[in-house]
Amino acid sequence: MSAHSCTPVEFQGADAIRLHREGEGTVIVLRHGGHVVSWQDPSGTERLYLSPISPLDGSAAVRGGVPVIFPQFSTRGPLGRHGFARTMPWQWIDQADRPEDTASMTMALSSSPATL
């Protein structure tokens, strides 16, 4: 069994959550938009592309990584491009009762005028 941890961190000036599993790697998710911006394998090699000029402050879309696209793709709906989930703050919900043989974290959106 590998030890795992889920902790708040700062990633290039942005609030994020770091999920690490010993011997398996690390993932970093921004609180703004729930965007995965880093995935490092056990050797520490970065496996996701993230543009070095991409702002992470919510002023523009993050270039690279793995975005959350919800509830629509592109402009195929009445909302802004790719929906509201990628432009809203996500809350980290810590789960102390995770099974030891898994690494996971839960993040959620709160209801707001944008989600109605």
PDB file of N, CA and C in Angstrom:
ATOM      1  N   MET A   1       0.818  -1.180   0.000  1.00  0.00           N
ATOM      2  CA  MET A   1       0.000   0.000   0.000  1.00  0.00           C
ATOM      3  C   MET A   1       0.866   1.249   0.000  1.00  0.00           C
ATOM      4  N   SER A   2       0.455   2.209  -0.808  1.00  0.00           N
ATOM      5  CA  SER A   2       1.171   3.472  -0.878  1.00  0.00           C
ATOM      6  C   SER A   2       0.436   4.537  -0.090  1.00  0.00           C
ATOM      7  N   ALA A   3       1.188   5.399   0.571  1.00  0.00           N
ATOM      8  CA  ALA A   3       0.583   6.514   1.285  1.00  0.00           C
ATOM      9  C   ALA A   3       0.157   7.576   0.281  1.00  0.00           C
ATOM     10  N   HIS A   4      -0.949   8.247   0.569  1.00  0.00           N
ATOM     11  CA  HIS A   4      -1.387   9.331  -0.300  1.00  0.00           C
ATOM     12  C   HIS A   4      -1.753  10.544   0.545  1.00  0.00           C
ATOM     13  N   SER A   5      -1.699  11.715  -0.108  1.00  0.00           N
ATOM     14  CA  SER A   5      -2.058  12.944   0.588  1.00  0.00           C
ATOM     15  C   SER A   5      -2.753  13.876  -0.387  1.00  0.00           C
ATOM     16  N   CYS A   6      -3.599  14.703   0.163  1.00  0.00           N
ATOM     17  CA  CYS A   6      -4.330  15.701  -0.597  1.00  0.00           C
ATOM     18  C   CYS A   6      -4.224  17.000   0.202  1.00  0.00           C
ATOM     19  N   THR A   7      -3.530  17.995  -0.360  1.00  0.00           N
ATOM     20  CA  THR A   7      -3.262  19.206   0.399  1.00  0.00           C
ATOM     21  C   THR A   7      -3.450  20.462  -0.446  1.00  0.00           C
ATOM     22  N   PRO A   8      -3.873  21.569   0.193  1.00  0.00           N
ATOM     23  CA  PRO A   8      -3.931  22.847  -0.513  1.00  0.00           C
ATOM     24  C   PRO A   8      -2.513  23.343  -0.797  1.00  0.00           C
ATOM     25  N   VAL A   9      -2.312  23.900  -1.989  1.00  0.00           N
ATOM     26  CA  VAL A   9      -1.009  24.439  -2.384  1.00  0.00           C
ATOM     27  C   VAL A   9      -1.224  25.694  -3.221  1.00  0.00           C
ATOM     28  N   GLU A  10      -0.130  26.380  -3.484  1.00  0.00           N
ATOM     29  CA  GLU A  10      -0.138  27.474  -4.444  1.00  0.00           C
ATOM     30  C   GLU A  10       0.598  26.966  -5.671  1.00  0.00           C
ATOM     31  N   PHE A  11       0.003  27.123  -6.845  1.00  0.00           N
ATOM     32  CA  PHE A  11       0.621  26.684  -8.097  1.00  0.00           C
ATOM     33  C   PHE A  11       0.749  27.903  -8.997  1.00  0.00           C
ATOM     34  N   GLN A  12       1.959  28.360  -9.204  1.00  0.00           N
ATOM     35  CA  GLN A  12       2.239  29.534 -10.027  1.00  0.00           C
ATOM     36  C   GLN A  12       1.331  30.707  -9.640  1.00  0.00           C
ATOM     37  N   GLY A  13       1.150  30.912  -8.340  1.00  0.00           N
ATOM     38  CA  GLY A  13       0.378  32.019  -7.820  1.00  0.00           C
ATOM     39  C   GLY A  13      -1.121  31.759  -7.671  1.00  0.00           C
ATOM     40  N   ALA A  14      -1.583  30.591  -8.068  1.00  0.00           N
ATOM     41  CA  ALA A  14      -3.012  30.276  -8.001  1.00  0.00           C
ATOM     42  C   ALA A  14      -3.292  29.245  -6.912  1.00  0.00           C
ATOM     43  N   ASP A  15      -4.467  29.359  -6.278  1.00  0.00           N
ATOM     44  CA  ASP A  15      -4.878  28.365  -5.279  1.00  0.00           C
ATOM     45  C   ASP A  15      -5.167  27.042  -5.971  1.00  0.00           C
ATOM     46  N   ALA A  16      -4.635  25.975  -5.403  1.00  0.00           N
ATOM     47  CA  ALA A  16      -4.786  24.661  -6.021  1.00  0.00           C
ATOM     48  C   ALA A  16      -4.806  23.580  -4.939  1.00  0.00           C
ATOM     49  N   ILE A  17      -5.086  22.373  -5.367  1.00  0.00           N
ATOM     50  CA  ILE A  17      -5.046  21.196  -4.506  1.00  0.00           C
ATOM     51  C   ILE A  17      -4.057  20.212  -5.123  1.00  0.00           C
ATOM     52  N   ARG A  18      -3.203  19.658  -4.280  1.00  0.00           N
ATOM     53  CA  ARG A  18      -2.197  18.687  -4.732  1.00  0.00           C
ATOM     54  C   ARG A  18      -2.577  17.315  -4.204  1.00  0.00           C
ATOM     55  N   LEU A  19      -2.749  16.369  -5.110  1.00  0.00           N
ATOM     56  CA  LEU A  19      -3.016  14.979  -4.755  1.00  0.00           C
ATOM     57  C   LEU A  19      -1.769  14.188  -5.094  1.00  0.00           C
ATOM     58  N   HIS A  20      -1.207  13.535  -4.084  1.00  0.00           N
ATOM     59  CA  HIS A  20       0.033  12.780  -4.273  1.00  0.00           C
ATOM     60  C   HIS A  20      -0.154  11.367  -3.741  1.00  0.00           C
ATOM     61  N   ARG A  21       0.340  10.413  -4.482  1.00  0.00           N
ATOM     62  CA  ARG A  21       0.350   9.021  -4.033  1.00  0.00           C
ATOM     63  C   ARG A  21       1.776   8.516  -4.175  1.00  0.00           C
ATOM     64  N   GLU A  22       2.363   8.186  -3.044  1.00  0.00           N
ATOM     65  CA  GLU A  22       3.752   7.746  -2.999  1.00  0.00           C
ATOM     66  C   GLU A  22       3.988   6.615  -3.996  1.00  0.00           C
ATOM     67  N   GLY A  23       5.003   6.791  -4.817  1.00  0.00           N
ATOM     68  CA  GLY A  23       5.357   5.777  -5.800  1.00  0.00           C
ATOM     69  C   GLY A  23       4.495   5.766  -7.053  1.00  0.00           C
ATOM     70  N   GLU A  24       3.511   6.671  -7.129  1.00  0.00           N
ATOM     71  CA  GLU A  24       2.623   6.674  -8.294  1.00  0.00           C
ATOM     72  C   GLU A  24       2.500   8.026  -8.982  1.00  0.00           C
ATOM     73  N   GLY A  25       2.774   9.121  -8.292  1.00  0.00           N
ATOM     74  CA  GLY A  25       2.743  10.413  -8.954  1.00  0.00           C
ATOM     75  C   GLY A  25       1.948  11.472  -8.219  1.00  0.00           C
ATOM     76  N   THR A  26       1.812  12.618  -8.899  1.00  0.00           N
ATOM     77  CA  THR A  26       1.191  13.801  -8.319  1.00  0.00           C
ATOM     78  C   THR A  26       0.313  14.490  -9.356  1.00  0.00           C
ATOM     79  N   VAL A  27      -0.841  14.970  -8.904  1.00  0.00           N
ATOM     80  CA  VAL A  27      -1.754  15.744  -9.744  1.00  0.00           C
ATOM     81  C   VAL A  27      -2.035  17.057  -9.022  1.00  0.00           C
ATOM     82  N   ILE A  28      -2.093  18.155  -9.789  1.00  0.00           N
ATOM     83  CA  ILE A  28      -2.455  19.454  -9.212  1.00  0.00           C
ATOM     84  C   ILE A  28      -3.671  19.990  -9.965  1.00  0.00           C
ATOM     85  N   VAL A  29      -4.682  20.397  -9.177  1.00  0.00           N
ATOM     86  CA  VAL A  29      -5.945  20.900  -9.717  1.00  0.00           C
ATOM     87  C   VAL A  29      -6.179  22.313  -9.190  1.00  0.00           C
ATOM     88  N   LEU A  30      -6.461  23.253 -10.103  1.00  0.00           N
ATOM     89  CA  LEU A  30      -6.770  24.618  -9.683  1.00  0.00           C
ATOM     90  C   LEU A  30      -8.144  24.671  -9.040  1.00  0.00           C
ATOM     91  N   ARG A  31      -8.273  25.489  -8.000  1.00  0.00           N
ATOM     92  CA  ARG A  31      -9.603  25.711  -7.412  1.00  0.00           C
ATOM     93  C   ARG A  31     -10.479  26.496  -8.376  1.00  0.00           C
ATOM     94  N   HIS A  32      -9.891  27.391  -9.157  1.00  0.00           N
ATOM     95  CA  HIS A  32     -10.661  28.147 -10.143  1.00  0.00           C
ATOM     96  C   HIS A  32     -10.863  27.274 -11.376  1.00  0.00           C
ATOM     97  N   GLY A  33     -12.068  26.850 -11.589  1.00  0.00           N
ATOM     98  CA  GLY A  33     -12.397  26.063 -12.777  1.00  0.00           C
ATOM     99  C   GLY A  33     -12.184  24.570 -12.644  1.00  0.00           C
ATOM    100  N   GLY A  34     -11.599  24.091 -11.543  1.00  0.00           N
ATOM    101  CA  GLY A  34     -11.363  22.655 -11.386  1.00  0.00           C
ATOM    102  C   GLY A  34     -10.426  22.088 -12.441  1.00  0.00           C
ATOM    103  N   HIS A  35      -9.555  22.908 -12.974  1.00  0.00           N
ATOM    104  CA  HIS A  35      -8.675  22.573 -14.095  1.00  0.00           C
ATOM    105  C   HIS A  35      -7.438  21.805 -13.615  1.00  0.00           C
ATOM    106  N   VAL A  36      -7.177  20.633 -14.194  1.00  0.00           N
ATOM    107  CA  VAL A  36      -5.955  19.880 -13.890  1.00  0.00           C
ATOM    108  C   VAL A  36      -4.816  20.549 -14.659  1.00  0.00           C
ATOM    109  N   VAL A  37      -3.821  21.047 -13.934  1.00  0.00           N
ATOM    110  CA  VAL A  37      -2.717  21.775 -14.574  1.00  0.00           C
ATOM    111  C   VAL A  37      -1.381  21.039 -14.513  1.00  0.00           C
ATOM    112  N   SER A  38      -1.325  19.960 -13.757  1.00  0.00           N
ATOM    113  CA  SER A  38      -0.068  19.212 -13.666  1.00  0.00           C
ATOM    114  C   SER A  38      -0.342  17.759 -13.326  1.00  0.00           C
ATOM    115  N   TRP A  39       0.391  16.888 -13.979  1.00  0.00           N
ATOM    116  CA  TRP A  39       0.385  15.463 -13.650  1.00  0.00           C
ATOM    117  C   TRP A  39       1.823  14.986 -13.809  1.00  0.00           C
ATOM    118  N   GLN A  40       2.436  14.636 -12.705  1.00  0.00           N
ATOM    119  CA  GLN A  40       3.806  14.140 -12.735  1.00  0.00           C
ATOM    120  C   GLN A  40       3.815  12.658 -12.391  1.00  0.00           C
ATOM    121  N   ASP A  41       4.558  11.887 -13.188  1.00  0.00           N
ATOM    122  CA  ASP A  41       4.666  10.457 -12.918  1.00  0.00           C
ATOM    123  C   ASP A  41       5.595  10.227 -11.718  1.00  0.00           C
ATOM    124  N   PRO A  42       5.788   8.991 -11.288  1.00  0.00           N
ATOM    125  CA  PRO A  42       6.619   8.727 -10.099  1.00  0.00           C
ATOM    126  C   PRO A  42       8.049   9.262 -10.186  1.00  0.00           C
ATOM    127  N   SER A  43       8.572   9.395 -11.416  1.00  0.00           N
ATOM    128  CA  SER A  43       9.939   9.924 -11.555  1.00  0.00           C
ATOM    129  C   SER A  43       9.981  11.444 -11.462  1.00  0.00           C
ATOM    130  N   GLY A  44       8.805  12.099 -11.412  1.00  0.00           N
ATOM    131  CA  GLY A  44       8.747  13.554 -11.349  1.00  0.00           C
ATOM    132  C   GLY A  44       8.651  14.205 -12.716  1.00  0.00           C
ATOM    133  N   THR A  45       8.505  13.414 -13.771  1.00  0.00           N
ATOM    134  CA  THR A  45       8.386  13.941 -15.123  1.00  0.00           C
ATOM    135  C   THR A  45       6.976  14.474 -15.353  1.00  0.00           C
ATOM    136  N   GLU A  46       6.890  15.728 -15.802  1.00  0.00           N
ATOM    137  CA  GLU A  46       5.597  16.334 -16.106  1.00  0.00           C
ATOM    138  C   GLU A  46       5.013  15.685 -17.357  1.00  0.00           C
ATOM    139  N   ARG A  47       3.746  15.299 -17.296  1.00  0.00           N
ATOM    140  CA  ARG A  47       3.092  14.608 -18.400  1.00  0.00           C
ATOM    141  C   ARG A  47       2.015  15.431 -19.093  1.00  0.00           C
ATOM    142  N   LEU A  48       1.730  16.651 -18.598  1.00  0.00           N
ATOM    143  CA  LEU A  48       0.752  17.518 -19.239  1.00  0.00           C
ATOM    144  C   LEU A  48       1.430  18.775 -19.742  1.00  0.00           C
ATOM    145  N   TYR A  49       0.962  19.274 -20.882  1.00  0.00           N
ATOM    146  CA  TYR A  49       1.462  20.550 -21.384  1.00  0.00           C
ATOM    147  C   TYR A  49       0.669  21.674 -20.739  1.00  0.00           C
ATOM    148  N   LEU A  50       1.350  22.718 -20.310  1.00  0.00           N
ATOM    149  CA  LEU A  50       0.736  23.933 -19.807  1.00  0.00           C
ATOM    150  C   LEU A  50       1.528  25.096 -20.385  1.00  0.00           C
ATOM    151  N   SER A  51       0.848  25.957 -21.137  1.00  0.00           N
ATOM    152  CA  SER A  51       1.530  27.083 -21.758  1.00  0.00           C
ATOM    153  C   SER A  51       2.179  27.970 -20.702  1.00  0.00           C
ATOM    154  N   PRO A  52       3.428  28.355 -20.907  1.00  0.00           N
ATOM    155  CA  PRO A  52       4.106  29.213 -19.928  1.00  0.00           C
ATOM    156  C   PRO A  52       3.516  30.622 -19.872  1.00  0.00           C
ATOM    157  N   ILE A  53       2.716  31.009 -20.867  1.00  0.00           N
ATOM    158  CA  ILE A  53       2.115  32.341 -20.858  1.00  0.00           C
ATOM    159  C   ILE A  53       0.634  32.309 -20.482  1.00  0.00           C
ATOM    160  N   SER A  54       0.130  31.148 -20.109  1.00  0.00           N
ATOM    161  CA  SER A  54      -1.276  31.025 -19.741  1.00  0.00           C
ATOM    162  C   SER A  54      -1.532  31.637 -18.368  1.00  0.00           C
ATOM    163  N   PRO A  55      -2.457  32.609 -18.282  1.00  0.00           N
ATOM    164  CA  PRO A  55      -2.779  33.175 -16.963  1.00  0.00           C
ATOM    165  C   PRO A  55      -3.572  32.156 -16.140  1.00  0.00           C
ATOM    166  N   LEU A  56      -3.274  32.062 -14.862  1.00  0.00           N
ATOM    167  CA  LEU A  56      -3.974  31.113 -13.996  1.00  0.00           C
ATOM    168  C   LEU A  56      -4.859  31.832 -12.980  1.00  0.00           C
ATOM    169  N   ASP A  57      -5.110  33.126 -13.236  1.00  0.00           N
ATOM    170  CA  ASP A  57      -5.885  33.936 -12.290  1.00  0.00           C
ATOM    171  C   ASP A  57      -7.369  34.029 -12.632  1.00  0.00           C
ATOM    172  N   GLY A  58      -7.800  33.303 -13.646  1.00  0.00           N
ATOM    173  CA  GLY A  58      -9.207  33.341 -14.035  1.00  0.00           C
ATOM    174  C   GLY A  58      -9.538  34.413 -15.047  1.00  0.00           C
ATOM    175  N   SER A  59      -8.559  35.215 -15.466  1.00  0.00           N
ATOM    176  CA  SER A  59      -8.823  36.282 -16.422  1.00  0.00           C
ATOM    177  C   SER A  59      -8.988  35.772 -17.853  1.00  0.00           C
ATOM    178  N   ALA A  60      -8.507  34.563 -18.110  1.00  0.00           N
ATOM    179  CA  ALA A  60      -8.621  33.952 -19.433  1.00  0.00           C
ATOM    180  C   ALA A  60      -8.546  32.434 -19.254  1.00  0.00           C
ATOM    181  N   ALA A  61      -8.921  31.725 -20.303  1.00  0.00           N
ATOM    182  CA  ALA A  61      -8.880  30.266 -20.253  1.00  0.00           C
ATOM    183  C   ALA A  61      -7.440  29.776 -20.082  1.00  0.00           C
ATOM    184  N   VAL A  62      -7.275  28.735 -19.298  1.00  0.00           N
ATOM    185  CA  VAL A  62      -5.968  28.103 -19.130  1.00  0.00           C
ATOM    186  C   VAL A  62      -5.654  27.347 -20.419  1.00  0.00           C
ATOM    187  N   ARG A  63      -4.447  27.506 -20.916  1.00  0.00           N
ATOM    188  CA  ARG A  63      -4.018  26.816 -22.140  1.00  0.00           C
ATOM    189  C   ARG A  63      -3.224  25.585 -21.756  1.00  0.00           C
ATOM    190  N   GLY A  64      -3.815  24.425 -21.969  1.00  0.00           N
ATOM    191  CA  GLY A  64      -3.166  23.168 -21.638  1.00  0.00           C
ATOM    192  C   GLY A  64      -3.838  22.509 -20.457  1.00  0.00           C
ATOM    193  N   GLY A  65      -3.257  21.409 -20.007  1.00  0.00           N
ATOM    194  CA  GLY A  65      -3.841  20.677 -18.896  1.00  0.00           C
ATOM    195  C   GLY A  65      -5.125  19.969 -19.294  1.00  0.00           C
ATOM    196  N   VAL A  66      -5.998  19.748 -18.312  1.00  0.00           N
ATOM    197  CA  VAL A  66      -7.277  19.069 -18.540  1.00  0.00           C
ATOM    198  C   VAL A  66      -8.389  19.945 -17.969  1.00  0.00           C
ATOM    199  N   PRO A  67      -9.175  20.599 -18.839  1.00  0.00           N
ATOM    200  CA  PRO A  67     -10.229  21.482 -18.355  1.00  0.00           C
ATOM    201  C   PRO A  67     -11.511  20.727 -18.008  1.00  0.00           C
ATOM    202  N   VAL A  68     -12.353  21.376 -17.226  1.00  0.00           N
ATOM    203  CA  VAL A  68     -13.712  20.895 -16.995  1.00  0.00           C
ATOM    204  C   VAL A  68     -14.599  21.645 -17.985  1.00  0.00           C
ATOM    205  N   ILE A  69     -15.294  20.916 -18.836  1.00  0.00           N
ATOM    206  CA  ILE A  69     -16.192  21.512 -19.815  1.00  0.00           C
ATOM    207  C   ILE A  69     -17.598  21.055 -19.454  1.00  0.00           C
ATOM    208  N   PHE A  70     -18.404  22.007 -18.910  1.00  0.00           N
ATOM    209  CA  PHE A  70     -19.748  21.653 -18.456  1.00  0.00           C
ATOM    210  C   PHE A  70     -20.588  22.908 -18.335  1.00  0.00           C
ATOM    211  N   PRO A  71     -21.791  22.908 -18.729  1.00  0.00           N
ATOM    212  CA  PRO A  71     -22.618  21.827 -19.253  1.00  0.00           C
ATOM    213  C   PRO A  71     -22.703  21.785 -20.772  1.00  0.00           C
ATOM    214  N   GLN A  72     -21.849  22.516 -21.463  1.00  0.00           N
ATOM    215  CA  GLN A  72     -21.895  22.472 -22.923  1.00  0.00           C
ATOM    216  C   GLN A  72     -20.489  22.518 -23.492  1.00  0.00           C
ATOM    217  N   PHE A  73     -20.345  22.059 -24.730  1.00  0.00           N
ATOM    218  CA  PHE A  73     -19.068  22.124 -25.432  1.00  0.00           C
ATOM    219  C   PHE A  73     -19.071  23.343 -26.345  1.00  0.00           C
ATOM    220  N   SER A  74     -17.971  24.066 -26.337  1.00  0.00           N
ATOM    221  CA  SER A  74     -17.775  25.232 -27.188  1.00  0.00           C
ATOM    222  C   SER A  74     -18.959  26.188 -27.064  1.00  0.00           C
ATOM    223  N   THR A  75     -19.542  26.580 -28.185  1.00  0.00           N
ATOM    224  CA  THR A  75     -20.693  27.489 -28.167  1.00  0.00           C
ATOM    225  C   THR A  75     -21.975  26.737 -28.510  1.00  0.00           C
ATOM    226  N   ARG A  76     -21.982  25.442 -28.313  1.00  0.00           N
ATOM    227  CA  ARG A  76     -23.156  24.612 -28.634  1.00  0.00           C
ATOM    228  C   ARG A  76     -24.176  24.643 -27.503  1.00  0.00           C
ATOM    229  N   GLY A  77     -24.631  25.808 -27.183  1.00  0.00           N
ATOM    230  CA  GLY A  77     -25.606  26.009 -26.128  1.00  0.00           C
ATOM    231  C   GLY A  77     -25.727  27.489 -25.834  1.00  0.00           C
ATOM    232  N   PRO A  78     -26.591  27.854 -24.902  1.00  0.00           N
ATOM    233  CA  PRO A  78     -26.857  29.264 -24.636  1.00  0.00           C
ATOM    234  C   PRO A  78     -25.823  29.958 -23.740  1.00  0.00           C
ATOM    235  N   LEU A  79     -24.920  29.199 -23.146  1.00  0.00           N
ATOM    236  CA  LEU A  79     -23.951  29.766 -22.197  1.00  0.00           C
ATOM    237  C   LEU A  79     -22.675  30.197 -22.896  1.00  0.00           C
ATOM    238  N   GLY A  80     -21.764  30.755 -22.122  1.00  0.00           N
ATOM    239  CA  GLY A  80     -20.461  31.115 -22.651  1.00  0.00           C
ATOM    240  C   GLY A  80     -19.706  29.869 -23.104  1.00  0.00           C
ATOM    241  N   ARG A  81     -18.660  30.069 -23.828  1.00  0.00           N
ATOM    242  CA  ARG A  81     -17.859  28.967 -24.395  1.00  0.00           C
ATOM    243  C   ARG A  81     -17.505  27.930 -23.325  1.00  0.00           C
ATOM    244  N   HIS A  82     -17.885  26.690 -23.544  1.00  0.00           N
ATOM    245  CA  HIS A  82     -17.629  25.537 -22.673  1.00  0.00           C
ATOM    246  C   HIS A  82     -18.373  25.575 -21.337  1.00  0.00           C
ATOM    247  N   GLY A  83     -19.330  26.469 -21.191  1.00  0.00           N
ATOM    248  CA  GLY A  83     -20.152  26.469 -19.992  1.00  0.00           C
ATOM    249  C   GLY A  83     -19.551  27.206 -18.815  1.00  0.00           C
ATOM    250  N   PHE A  84     -20.237  27.127 -17.688  1.00  0.00           N
ATOM    251  CA  PHE A  84     -19.875  27.903 -16.509  1.00  0.00           C
ATOM    252  C   PHE A  84     -18.877  27.223 -15.572  1.00  0.00           C
ATOM    253  N   ALA A  85     -18.757  25.913 -15.604  1.00  0.00           N
ATOM    254  CA  ALA A  85     -17.944  25.198 -14.607  1.00  0.00           C
ATOM    255  C   ALA A  85     -16.462  25.577 -14.656  1.00  0.00           C
ATOM    256  N   ARG A  86     -15.966  25.923 -15.813  1.00  0.00           N
ATOM    257  CA  ARG A  86     -14.528  26.237 -15.935  1.00  0.00           C
ATOM    258  C   ARG A  86     -14.163  27.639 -15.489  1.00  0.00           C
ATOM    259  N   THR A  87     -15.194  28.454 -15.182  1.00  0.00           N
ATOM    260  CA  THR A  87     -14.905  29.826 -14.769  1.00  0.00           C
ATOM    261  C   THR A  87     -15.349  30.111 -13.339  1.00  0.00           C
ATOM    262  N   MET A  88     -15.715  29.076 -12.607  1.00  0.00           N
ATOM    263  CA  MET A  88     -16.208  29.256 -11.245  1.00  0.00           C
ATOM    264  C   MET A  88     -15.245  28.674 -10.221  1.00  0.00           C
ATOM    265  N   PRO A  89     -15.322  29.168  -8.980  1.00  0.00           N
ATOM    266  CA  PRO A  89     -14.485  28.579  -7.923  1.00  0.00           C
ATOM    267  C   PRO A  89     -15.034  27.213  -7.506  1.00  0.00           C
ATOM    268  N   TRP A  90     -14.138  26.280  -7.320  1.00  0.00           N
ATOM    269  CA  TRP A  90     -14.490  24.934  -6.867  1.00  0.00           C
ATOM    270  C   TRP A  90     -14.065  24.795  -5.413  1.00  0.00           C
ATOM    271  N   GLN A  91     -14.853  24.072  -4.664  1.00  0.00           N
ATOM    272  CA  GLN A  91     -14.545  23.838  -3.254  1.00  0.00           C
ATOM    273  C   GLN A  91     -13.961  22.440  -3.111  1.00  0.00           C
ATOM    274  N   TRP A  92     -12.869  22.351  -2.366  1.00  0.00           N
ATOM    275  CA  TRP A  92     -12.266  21.050  -2.078  1.00  0.00           C
ATOM    276  C   TRP A  92     -12.993  20.453  -0.891  1.00  0.00           C
ATOM    277  N   ILE A  93     -13.447  19.233  -1.047  1.00  0.00           N
ATOM    278  CA  ILE A  93     -14.129  18.514   0.026  1.00  0.00           C
ATOM    279  C   ILE A  93     -13.225  17.376   0.447  1.00  0.00           C
ATOM    280  N   ASP A  94     -12.617  17.509   1.605  1.00  0.00           N
ATOM    281  CA  ASP A  94     -11.700  16.475   2.091  1.00  0.00           C
ATOM    282  C   ASP A  94     -12.490  15.267   2.568  1.00  0.00           C
ATOM    283  N   GLN A  95     -11.999  14.091   2.227  1.00  0.00           N
ATOM    284  CA  GLN A  95     -12.631  12.857   2.667  1.00  0.00           C
ATOM    285  C   GLN A  95     -11.625  12.055   3.467  1.00  0.00           C
ATOM    286  N   ALA A  96     -11.756  12.078   4.769  1.00  0.00           N
ATOM    287  CA  ALA A  96     -10.810  11.389   5.647  1.00  0.00           C
ATOM    288  C   ALA A  96     -10.966   9.874   5.602  1.00  0.00           C
ATOM    289  N   ASP A  97     -12.090   9.390   5.085  1.00  0.00           N
ATOM    290  CA  ASP A  97     -12.336   7.953   5.109  1.00  0.00           C
ATOM    291  C   ASP A  97     -12.046   7.263   3.770  1.00  0.00           C
ATOM    292  N   ARG A  98     -11.132   7.833   2.975  1.00  0.00           N
ATOM    293  CA  ARG A  98     -10.747   7.200   1.712  1.00  0.00           C
ATOM    294  C   ARG A  98     -10.085   5.858   1.963  1.00  0.00           C
ATOM    295  N   PRO A  99     -10.362   4.855   1.137  1.00  0.00           N
ATOM    296  CA  PRO A  99      -9.630   3.595   1.277  1.00  0.00           C
ATOM    297  C   PRO A  99      -8.139   3.828   1.058  1.00  0.00           C
ATOM    298  N   GLU A 100      -7.312   3.141   1.786  1.00  0.00           N
ATOM    299  CA  GLU A 100      -5.858   3.335   1.705  1.00  0.00           C
ATOM    300  C   GLU A 100      -5.261   2.923   0.366  1.00  0.00           C
ATOM    301  N   ASP A 101      -5.952   2.054  -0.384  1.00  0.00           N
ATOM    302  CA  ASP A 101      -5.391   1.598  -1.651  1.00  0.00           C
ATOM    303  C   ASP A 101      -5.834   2.463  -2.835  1.00  0.00           C
ATOM    304  N   THR A 102      -6.408   3.637  -2.550  1.00  0.00           N
ATOM    305  CA  THR A 102      -6.805   4.548  -3.617  1.00  0.00           C
ATOM    306  C   THR A 102      -6.300   5.957  -3.310  1.00  0.00           C
ATOM    307  N   ALA A 103      -6.205   6.751  -4.337  1.00  0.00           N
ATOM    308  CA  ALA A 103      -5.894   8.170  -4.174  1.00  0.00           C
ATOM    309  C   ALA A 103      -6.990   8.925  -4.896  1.00  0.00           C
ATOM    310  N   SER A 104      -7.715   9.741  -4.169  1.00  0.00           N
ATOM    311  CA  SER A 104      -8.798  10.505  -4.776  1.00  0.00           C
ATOM    312  C   SER A 104      -9.038  11.773  -3.996  1.00  0.00           C
ATOM    313  N   MET A 105      -9.723  12.697  -4.636  1.00  0.00           N
ATOM    314  CA  MET A 105     -10.180  13.890  -3.956  1.00  0.00           C
ATOM    315  C   MET A 105     -11.514  14.273  -4.560  1.00  0.00           C
ATOM    316  N   THR A 106     -12.285  15.012  -3.793  1.00  0.00           N
ATOM    317  CA  THR A 106     -13.584  15.453  -4.255  1.00  0.00           C
ATOM    318  C   THR A 106     -13.616  16.970  -4.257  1.00  0.00           C
ATOM    319  N   MET A 107     -14.062  17.532  -5.374  1.00  0.00           N
ATOM    320  CA  MET A 107     -14.261  18.968  -5.478  1.00  0.00           C
ATOM    321  C   MET A 107     -15.690  19.194  -5.947  1.00  0.00           C
ATOM    322  N   ALA A 108     -16.278  20.328  -5.553  1.00  0.00           N
ATOM    323  CA  ALA A 108     -17.663  20.604  -5.899  1.00  0.00           C
ATOM    324  C   ALA A 108     -17.873  22.071  -6.214  1.00  0.00           C
ATOM    325  N   LEU A 109     -18.911  22.328  -6.999  1.00  0.00           N
ATOM    326  CA  LEU A 109     -19.365  23.688  -7.278  1.00  0.00           C
ATOM    327  C   LEU A 109     -20.521  23.994  -6.343  1.00  0.00           C
ATOM    328  N   SER A 110     -20.626  25.227  -5.916  1.00  0.00           N
ATOM    329  CA  SER A 110     -21.767  25.660  -5.112  1.00  0.00           C
ATOM    330  C   SER A 110     -22.806  26.280  -6.032  1.00  0.00           C
ATOM    331  N   SER A 111     -24.050  26.210  -5.622  1.00  0.00           N
ATOM    332  CA  SER A 111     -25.102  26.855  -6.397  1.00  0.00           C
ATOM    333  C   SER A 111     -24.892  28.363  -6.400  1.00  0.00           C
ATOM    334  N   SER A 112     -25.137  28.963  -7.542  1.00  0.00           N
ATOM    335  CA  SER A 112     -25.004  30.401  -7.690  1.00  0.00           C
ATOM    336  C   SER A 112     -25.884  30.800  -8.883  1.00  0.00           C
ATOM    337  N   PRO A 113     -26.053  32.089  -9.146  1.00  0.00           N
ATOM    338  CA  PRO A 113     -26.828  32.494 -10.312  1.00  0.00           C
ATOM    339  C   PRO A 113     -26.295  31.895 -11.624  1.00  0.00           C
ATOM    340  N   ALA A 114     -24.986  31.651 -11.702  1.00  0.00           N
ATOM    341  CA  ALA A 114     -24.403  31.075 -12.919  1.00  0.00           C
ATOM    342  C   ALA A 114     -24.797  29.625 -13.133  1.00  0.00           C
ATOM    343  N   THR A 115     -25.133  28.914 -12.055  1.00  0.00           N
ATOM    344  CA  THR A 115     -25.462  27.484 -12.188  1.00  0.00           C
ATOM    345  C   THR A 115     -26.950  27.231 -12.361  1.00  0.00           C
ATOM    346  N   LEU A 116     -27.759  28.268 -12.271  1.00  0.00           N
ATOM    347  CA  LEU A 116     -29.217  28.100 -12.401  1.00  0.00           C
ATOM    348  C   LEU A 116     -29.669  28.147 -13.830  1.00  0.00           C
TER     349      LEU A 116
END
